[in-house]
Amino acid sequence: MALSYKARKRWSLFLLLVWLPVYIVIAVTVLARIGEINKYVQIVVYVVLGIAWALPFKPVFTGIGKAEEPEGGDE
């Protein structure tokens, strides 16, 4: 089921304002509990986690920055 533009816009705001900060806290906490690791490995892990959070939500963010599409035809 495809989401409407308005629903995708609301979900994107939720993901950016609520889920992303929660995800960041979880990622930092997990890496802190792992303990001492090489700083280069740590940078790579942060980069991978920074990209990985958005991949499942790509359909939600697609087209959000564009103007809203009219629901009616050009008739």
PDB file of N, CA and C in Angstrom:
ATOM      1  N   MET A   1       0.848  -1.173   0.000  1.00  0.00           N
ATOM      2  CA  MET A   1       0.000   0.000   0.000  1.00  0.00           C
ATOM      3  C   MET A   1       0.901   1.245   0.000  1.00  0.00           C
ATOM      4  N   ALA A   2       0.693   2.099  -0.986  1.00  0.00           N
ATOM      5  CA  ALA A   2       1.486   3.316  -1.106  1.00  0.00           C
ATOM      6  C   ALA A   2       0.941   4.397  -0.173  1.00  0.00           C
ATOM      7  N   LEU A   3       1.841   5.126   0.416  1.00  0.00           N
ATOM      8  CA  LEU A   3       1.448   6.214   1.304  1.00  0.00           C
ATOM      9  C   LEU A   3       1.193   7.472   0.498  1.00  0.00           C
ATOM     10  N   SER A   4       0.256   8.270   0.943  1.00  0.00           N
ATOM     11  CA  SER A   4       0.002   9.547   0.288  1.00  0.00           C
ATOM     12  C   SER A   4       1.137  10.517   0.627  1.00  0.00           C
ATOM     13  N   TYR A   5       1.176  11.613  -0.110  1.00  0.00           N
ATOM     14  CA  TYR A   5       2.219  12.618   0.124  1.00  0.00           C
ATOM     15  C   TYR A   5       2.145  13.139   1.559  1.00  0.00           C
ATOM     16  N   LYS A   6       0.931  13.407   2.027  1.00  0.00           N
ATOM     17  CA  LYS A   6       0.747  13.949   3.374  1.00  0.00           C
ATOM     18  C   LYS A   6       1.208  12.938   4.433  1.00  0.00           C
ATOM     19  N   ALA A   7       0.896  11.676   4.225  1.00  0.00           N
ATOM     20  CA  ALA A   7       1.308  10.637   5.180  1.00  0.00           C
ATOM     21  C   ALA A   7       2.822  10.472   5.177  1.00  0.00           C
ATOM     22  N   ARG A   8       3.437  10.495   3.989  1.00  0.00           N
ATOM     23  CA  ARG A   8       4.894  10.390   3.922  1.00  0.00           C
ATOM     24  C   ARG A   8       5.558  11.571   4.599  1.00  0.00           C
ATOM     25  N   LYS A   9       4.968  12.758   4.452  1.00  0.00           N
ATOM     26  CA  LYS A   9       5.522  13.951   5.084  1.00  0.00           C
ATOM     27  C   LYS A   9       5.463  13.838   6.612  1.00  0.00           C
ATOM     28  N   ARG A  10       4.340  13.345   7.124  1.00  0.00           N
ATOM     29  CA  ARG A  10       4.197  13.168   8.576  1.00  0.00           C
ATOM     30  C   ARG A  10       5.160  12.111   9.105  1.00  0.00           C
ATOM     31  N   TRP A  11       5.258  10.986   8.385  1.00  0.00           N
ATOM     32  CA  TRP A  11       6.170   9.934   8.801  1.00  0.00           C
ATOM     33  C   TRP A  11       7.616  10.412   8.759  1.00  0.00           C
ATOM     34  N   SER A  12       7.975  11.190   7.756  1.00  0.00           N
ATOM     35  CA  SER A  12       9.352  11.678   7.677  1.00  0.00           C
ATOM     36  C   SER A  12       9.671  12.606   8.848  1.00  0.00           C
ATOM     37  N   LEU A  13       8.728  13.451   9.226  1.00  0.00           N
ATOM     38  CA  LEU A  13       8.940  14.309  10.396  1.00  0.00           C
ATOM     39  C   LEU A  13       9.095  13.482  11.668  1.00  0.00           C
ATOM     40  N   PHE A  14       8.251  12.467  11.817  1.00  0.00           N
ATOM     41  CA  PHE A  14       8.360  11.587  12.983  1.00  0.00           C
ATOM     42  C   PHE A  14       9.722  10.903  13.020  1.00  0.00           C
ATOM     43  N   LEU A  15      10.146  10.378  11.869  1.00  0.00           N
ATOM     44  CA  LEU A  15      11.429   9.671  11.821  1.00  0.00           C
ATOM     45  C   LEU A  15      12.593  10.591  12.150  1.00  0.00           C
ATOM     46  N   LEU A  16      12.557  11.814  11.651  1.00  0.00           N
ATOM     47  CA  LEU A  16      13.669  12.740  11.894  1.00  0.00           C
ATOM     48  C   LEU A  16      13.663  13.332  13.301  1.00  0.00           C
ATOM     49  N   LEU A  17      12.490  13.595  13.840  1.00  0.00           N
ATOM     50  CA  LEU A  17      12.408  14.265  15.142  1.00  0.00           C
ATOM     51  C   LEU A  17      12.349  13.317  16.328  1.00  0.00           C
ATOM     52  N   VAL A  18      11.876  12.085  16.118  1.00  0.00           N
ATOM     53  CA  VAL A  18      11.735  11.147  17.234  1.00  0.00           C
ATOM     54  C   VAL A  18      12.680   9.947  17.064  1.00  0.00           C
ATOM     55  N   TRP A  19      12.558   9.237  15.942  1.00  0.00           N
ATOM     56  CA  TRP A  19      13.319   8.007  15.776  1.00  0.00           C
ATOM     57  C   TRP A  19      14.823   8.259  15.666  1.00  0.00           C
ATOM     58  N   LEU A  20      15.252   9.243  14.911  1.00  0.00           N
ATOM     59  CA  LEU A  20      16.689   9.473  14.722  1.00  0.00           C
ATOM     60  C   LEU A  20      17.417   9.770  16.039  1.00  0.00           C
ATOM     61  N   PRO A  21      16.911  10.666  16.904  1.00  0.00           N
ATOM     62  CA  PRO A  21      17.603  10.866  18.193  1.00  0.00           C
ATOM     63  C   PRO A  21      17.636   9.601  19.058  1.00  0.00           C
ATOM     64  N   VAL A  22      16.542   8.829  19.049  1.00  0.00           N
ATOM     65  CA  VAL A  22      16.519   7.577  19.813  1.00  0.00           C
ATOM     66  C   VAL A  22      17.549   6.611  19.246  1.00  0.00           C
ATOM     67  N   TYR A  23      17.624   6.509  17.930  1.00  0.00           N
ATOM     68  CA  TYR A  23      18.585   5.626  17.266  1.00  0.00           C
ATOM     69  C   TYR A  23      20.020   6.033  17.595  1.00  0.00           C
ATOM     70  N   ILE A  24      20.287   7.326  17.611  1.00  0.00           N
ATOM     71  CA  ILE A  24      21.631   7.814  17.937  1.00  0.00           C
ATOM     72  C   ILE A  24      22.019   7.432  19.358  1.00  0.00           C
ATOM     73  N   VAL A  25      21.101   7.607  20.299  1.00  0.00           N
ATOM     74  CA  VAL A  25      21.383   7.245  21.695  1.00  0.00           C
ATOM     75  C   VAL A  25      21.641   5.751  21.815  1.00  0.00           C
ATOM     76  N   ILE A  26      20.838   4.942  21.119  1.00  0.00           N
ATOM     77  CA  ILE A  26      21.036   3.491  21.162  1.00  0.00           C
ATOM     78  C   ILE A  26      22.398   3.119  20.575  1.00  0.00           C
ATOM     79  N   ALA A  27      22.747   3.696  19.430  1.00  0.00           N
ATOM     80  CA  ALA A  27      24.017   3.369  18.781  1.00  0.00           C
ATOM     81  C   ALA A  27      25.208   3.761  19.650  1.00  0.00           C
ATOM     82  N   VAL A  28      25.171   4.944  20.228  1.00  0.00           N
ATOM     83  CA  VAL A  28      26.278   5.396  21.072  1.00  0.00           C
ATOM     84  C   VAL A  28      26.375   4.542  22.331  1.00  0.00           C
ATOM     85  N   THR A  29      25.252   4.187  22.917  1.00  0.00           N
ATOM     86  CA  THR A  29      25.250   3.359  24.114  1.00  0.00           C
ATOM     87  C   THR A  29      25.823   1.978  23.834  1.00  0.00           C
ATOM     88  N   VAL A  30      25.405   1.376  22.730  1.00  0.00           N
ATOM     89  CA  VAL A  30      25.915   0.047  22.382  1.00  0.00           C
ATOM     90  C   VAL A  30      27.422   0.101  22.126  1.00  0.00           C
ATOM     91  N   LEU A  31      27.878   1.087  21.389  1.00  0.00           N
ATOM     92  CA  LEU A  31      29.320   1.195  21.143  1.00  0.00           C
ATOM     93  C   LEU A  31      30.106   1.490  22.422  1.00  0.00           C
ATOM     94  N   ALA A  32      29.519   2.238  23.342  1.00  0.00           N
ATOM     95  CA  ALA A  32      30.203   2.516  24.604  1.00  0.00           C
ATOM     96  C   ALA A  32      30.308   1.256  25.457  1.00  0.00           C
ATOM     97  N   ARG A  33      29.301   0.402  25.398  1.00  0.00           N
ATOM     98  CA  ARG A  33      29.330  -0.828  26.192  1.00  0.00           C
ATOM     99  C   ARG A  33      30.263  -1.880  25.600  1.00  0.00           C
ATOM    100  N   ILE A  34      30.523  -1.772  24.299  1.00  0.00           N
ATOM    101  CA  ILE A  34      31.455  -2.712  23.680  1.00  0.00           C
ATOM    102  C   ILE A  34      32.839  -2.536  24.290  1.00  0.00           C
ATOM    103  N   GLY A  35      33.174  -1.307  24.593  1.00  0.00           N
ATOM    104  CA  GLY A  35      34.463  -1.058  25.229  1.00  0.00           C
ATOM    105  C   GLY A  35      35.445  -0.403  24.288  1.00  0.00           C
ATOM    106  N   GLU A  36      36.683  -0.559  24.599  1.00  0.00           N
ATOM    107  CA  GLU A  36      37.759   0.076  23.841  1.00  0.00           C
ATOM    108  C   GLU A  36      37.982  -0.654  22.520  1.00  0.00           C
ATOM    109  N   ILE A  37      37.764   0.061  21.414  1.00  0.00           N
ATOM    110  CA  ILE A  37      38.069  -0.481  20.096  1.00  0.00           C
ATOM    111  C   ILE A  37      38.893   0.555  19.342  1.00  0.00           C
ATOM    112  N   ASN A  38      39.521   0.120  18.299  1.00  0.00           N
ATOM    113  CA  ASN A  38      40.348   1.004  17.474  1.00  0.00           C
ATOM    114  C   ASN A  38      39.504   2.182  16.989  1.00  0.00           C
ATOM    115  N   LYS A  39      40.068   3.390  17.017  1.00  0.00           N
ATOM    116  CA  LYS A  39      39.280   4.571  16.646  1.00  0.00           C
ATOM    117  C   LYS A  39      38.876   4.549  15.178  1.00  0.00           C
ATOM    118  N   TYR A  40      39.671   3.917  14.316  1.00  0.00           N
ATOM    119  CA  TYR A  40      39.312   3.831  12.899  1.00  0.00           C
ATOM    120  C   TYR A  40      38.146   2.862  12.688  1.00  0.00           C
ATOM    121  N   VAL A  41      38.138   1.791  13.447  1.00  0.00           N
ATOM    122  CA  VAL A  41      37.011   0.854  13.390  1.00  0.00           C
ATOM    123  C   VAL A  41      35.755   1.544  13.916  1.00  0.00           C
ATOM    124  N   GLN A  42      35.915   2.323  14.949  1.00  0.00           N
ATOM    125  CA  GLN A  42      34.789   3.045  15.526  1.00  0.00           C
ATOM    126  C   GLN A  42      34.214   4.045  14.518  1.00  0.00           C
ATOM    127  N   ILE A  43      35.052   4.744  13.785  1.00  0.00           N
ATOM    128  CA  ILE A  43      34.586   5.685  12.767  1.00  0.00           C
ATOM    129  C   ILE A  43      33.818   4.960  11.678  1.00  0.00           C
ATOM    130  N   VAL A  44      34.343   3.824  11.250  1.00  0.00           N
ATOM    131  CA  VAL A  44      33.662   3.040  10.213  1.00  0.00           C
ATOM    132  C   VAL A  44      32.297   2.564  10.704  1.00  0.00           C
ATOM    133  N   VAL A  45      32.232   2.109  11.953  1.00  0.00           N
ATOM    134  CA  VAL A  45      30.957   1.643  12.512  1.00  0.00           C
ATOM    135  C   VAL A  45      29.953   2.793  12.570  1.00  0.00           C
ATOM    136  N   TYR A  46      30.380   3.974  13.001  1.00  0.00           N
ATOM    137  CA  TYR A  46      29.477   5.120  13.058  1.00  0.00           C
ATOM    138  C   TYR A  46      28.990   5.521  11.665  1.00  0.00           C
ATOM    139  N   VAL A  47      29.859   5.470  10.672  1.00  0.00           N
ATOM    140  CA  VAL A  47      29.456   5.813   9.301  1.00  0.00           C
ATOM    141  C   VAL A  47      28.439   4.805   8.782  1.00  0.00           C
ATOM    142  N   VAL A  48      28.706   3.523   9.013  1.00  0.00           N
ATOM    143  CA  VAL A  48      27.771   2.479   8.560  1.00  0.00           C
ATOM    144  C   VAL A  48      26.421   2.630   9.264  1.00  0.00           C
ATOM    145  N   LEU A  49      26.429   2.853  10.557  1.00  0.00           N
ATOM    146  CA  LEU A  49      25.171   3.043  11.290  1.00  0.00           C
ATOM    147  C   LEU A  49      24.463   4.323  10.862  1.00  0.00           C
ATOM    148  N   GLY A  50      25.232   5.347  10.519  1.00  0.00           N
ATOM    149  CA  GLY A  50      24.635   6.603  10.073  1.00  0.00           C
ATOM    150  C   GLY A  50      23.921   6.478   8.747  1.00  0.00           C
ATOM    151  N   ILE A  51      24.384   5.591   7.904  1.00  0.00           N
ATOM    152  CA  ILE A  51      23.724   5.362   6.619  1.00  0.00           C
ATOM    153  C   ILE A  51      22.624   4.313   6.748  1.00  0.00           C
ATOM    154  N   ALA A  52      22.880   3.297   7.556  1.00  0.00           N
ATOM    155  CA  ALA A  52      21.965   2.155   7.643  1.00  0.00           C
ATOM    156  C   ALA A  52      20.591   2.511   8.194  1.00  0.00           C
ATOM    157  N   TRP A  53      20.493   3.528   9.029  1.00  0.00           N
ATOM    158  CA  TRP A  53      19.195   3.840   9.620  1.00  0.00           C
ATOM    159  C   TRP A  53      18.201   4.327   8.569  1.00  0.00           C
ATOM    160  N   ALA A  54      18.686   4.981   7.521  1.00  0.00           N
ATOM    161  CA  ALA A  54      17.799   5.585   6.530  1.00  0.00           C
ATOM    162  C   ALA A  54      17.402   4.623   5.415  1.00  0.00           C
ATOM    163  N   LEU A  55      18.164   3.579   5.185  1.00  0.00           N
ATOM    164  CA  LEU A  55      17.886   2.681   4.062  1.00  0.00           C
ATOM    165  C   LEU A  55      16.482   2.057   4.107  1.00  0.00           C
ATOM    166  N   PRO A  56      16.005   1.564   5.247  1.00  0.00           N
ATOM    167  CA  PRO A  56      14.652   1.000   5.250  1.00  0.00           C
ATOM    168  C   PRO A  56      13.551   2.050   5.027  1.00  0.00           C
ATOM    169  N   PHE A  57      13.878   3.310   5.269  1.00  0.00           N
ATOM    170  CA  PHE A  57      12.878   4.375   5.169  1.00  0.00           C
ATOM    171  C   PHE A  57      12.987   5.180   3.886  1.00  0.00           C
ATOM    172  N   LYS A  58      13.761   4.710   2.930  1.00  0.00           N
ATOM    173  CA  LYS A  58      13.953   5.437   1.676  1.00  0.00           C
ATOM    174  C   LYS A  58      12.629   5.756   0.975  1.00  0.00           C
ATOM    175  N   PRO A  59      11.671   4.818   0.903  1.00  0.00           N
ATOM    176  CA  PRO A  59      10.388   5.153   0.253  1.00  0.00           C
ATOM    177  C   PRO A  59       9.623   6.282   0.962  1.00  0.00           C
ATOM    178  N   VAL A  60       9.810   6.407   2.260  1.00  0.00           N
ATOM    179  CA  VAL A  60       9.111   7.465   3.000  1.00  0.00           C
ATOM    180  C   VAL A  60       9.677   8.835   2.635  1.00  0.00           C
ATOM    181  N   PHE A  61      10.996   8.922   2.467  1.00  0.00           N
ATOM    182  CA  PHE A  61      11.639  10.202   2.193  1.00  0.00           C
ATOM    183  C   PHE A  61      11.632  10.597   0.720  1.00  0.00           C
ATOM    184  N   THR A  62      11.305   9.670  -0.165  1.00  0.00           N
ATOM    185  CA  THR A  62      11.338   9.953  -1.596  1.00  0.00           C
ATOM    186  C   THR A  62      10.285  11.000  -1.963  1.00  0.00           C
ATOM    187  N   GLY A  63      10.718  12.111  -2.546  1.00  0.00           N
ATOM    188  CA  GLY A  63       9.810  13.145  -3.028  1.00  0.00           C
ATOM    189  C   GLY A  63       9.293  14.112  -1.989  1.00  0.00           C
ATOM    190  N   ILE A  64       9.778  14.060  -0.775  1.00  0.00           N
ATOM    191  CA  ILE A  64       9.267  14.938   0.281  1.00  0.00           C
ATOM    192  C   ILE A  64       9.637  16.392   0.031  1.00  0.00           C
ATOM    193  N   GLY A  65      10.780  16.669  -0.549  1.00  0.00           N
ATOM    194  CA  GLY A  65      11.210  18.042  -0.777  1.00  0.00           C
ATOM    195  C   GLY A  65      10.551  18.716  -1.969  1.00  0.00           C
ATOM    196  N   LYS A  66       9.811  17.960  -2.758  1.00  0.00           N
ATOM    197  CA  LYS A  66       9.151  18.518  -3.927  1.00  0.00           C
ATOM    198  C   LYS A  66       7.799  19.104  -3.544  1.00  0.00           C
ATOM    199  N   ALA A  67       7.238  19.918  -4.439  1.00  0.00           N
ATOM    200  CA  ALA A  67       5.912  20.472  -4.193  1.00  0.00           C
ATOM    201  C   ALA A  67       4.883  19.351  -4.223  1.00  0.00           C
ATOM    202  N   GLU A  68       3.808  19.548  -3.479  1.00  0.00           N
ATOM    203  CA  GLU A  68       2.764  18.528  -3.412  1.00  0.00           C
ATOM    204  C   GLU A  68       2.125  18.333  -4.779  1.00  0.00           C
ATOM    205  N   GLU A  69       1.936  17.071  -5.138  1.00  0.00           N
ATOM    206  CA  GLU A  69       1.331  16.749  -6.416  1.00  0.00           C
ATOM    207  C   GLU A  69      -0.178  16.964  -6.331  1.00  0.00           C
ATOM    208  N   PRO A  70      -0.780  17.567  -7.351  1.00  0.00           N
ATOM    209  CA  PRO A  70      -2.237  17.740  -7.306  1.00  0.00           C
ATOM    210  C   PRO A  70      -2.926  16.391  -7.408  1.00  0.00           C
ATOM    211  N   GLU A  71      -4.004  16.226  -6.634  1.00  0.00           N
ATOM    212  CA  GLU A  71      -4.700  14.950  -6.616  1.00  0.00           C
ATOM    213  C   GLU A  71      -5.637  14.803  -7.793  1.00  0.00           C
ATOM    214  N   GLY A  72      -6.133  15.885  -8.322  1.00  0.00           N
ATOM    215  CA  GLY A  72      -7.030  15.830  -9.469  1.00  0.00           C
ATOM    216  C   GLY A  72      -6.228  15.817 -10.746  1.00  0.00           C
ATOM    217  N   GLY A  73      -6.907  15.603 -11.875  1.00  0.00           N
ATOM    218  CA  GLY A  73      -6.232  15.598 -13.155  1.00  0.00           C
ATOM    219  C   GLY A  73      -6.086  17.017 -13.691  1.00  0.00           C
ATOM    220  N   ASP A  74      -5.594  17.145 -14.911  1.00  0.00           N
ATOM    221  CA  ASP A  74      -5.437  18.457 -15.554  1.00  0.00           C
ATOM    222  C   ASP A  74      -6.713  18.868 -16.287  1.00  0.00           C
ATOM    223  N   GLU A  75      -7.793  18.250 -15.974  1.00  0.00           N
ATOM    224  CA  GLU A  75      -9.054  18.501 -16.682  1.00  0.00           C
ATOM    225  C   GLU A  75      -9.713  19.773 -16.223  1.00  0.00           C
TER     226      GLU A  75
END
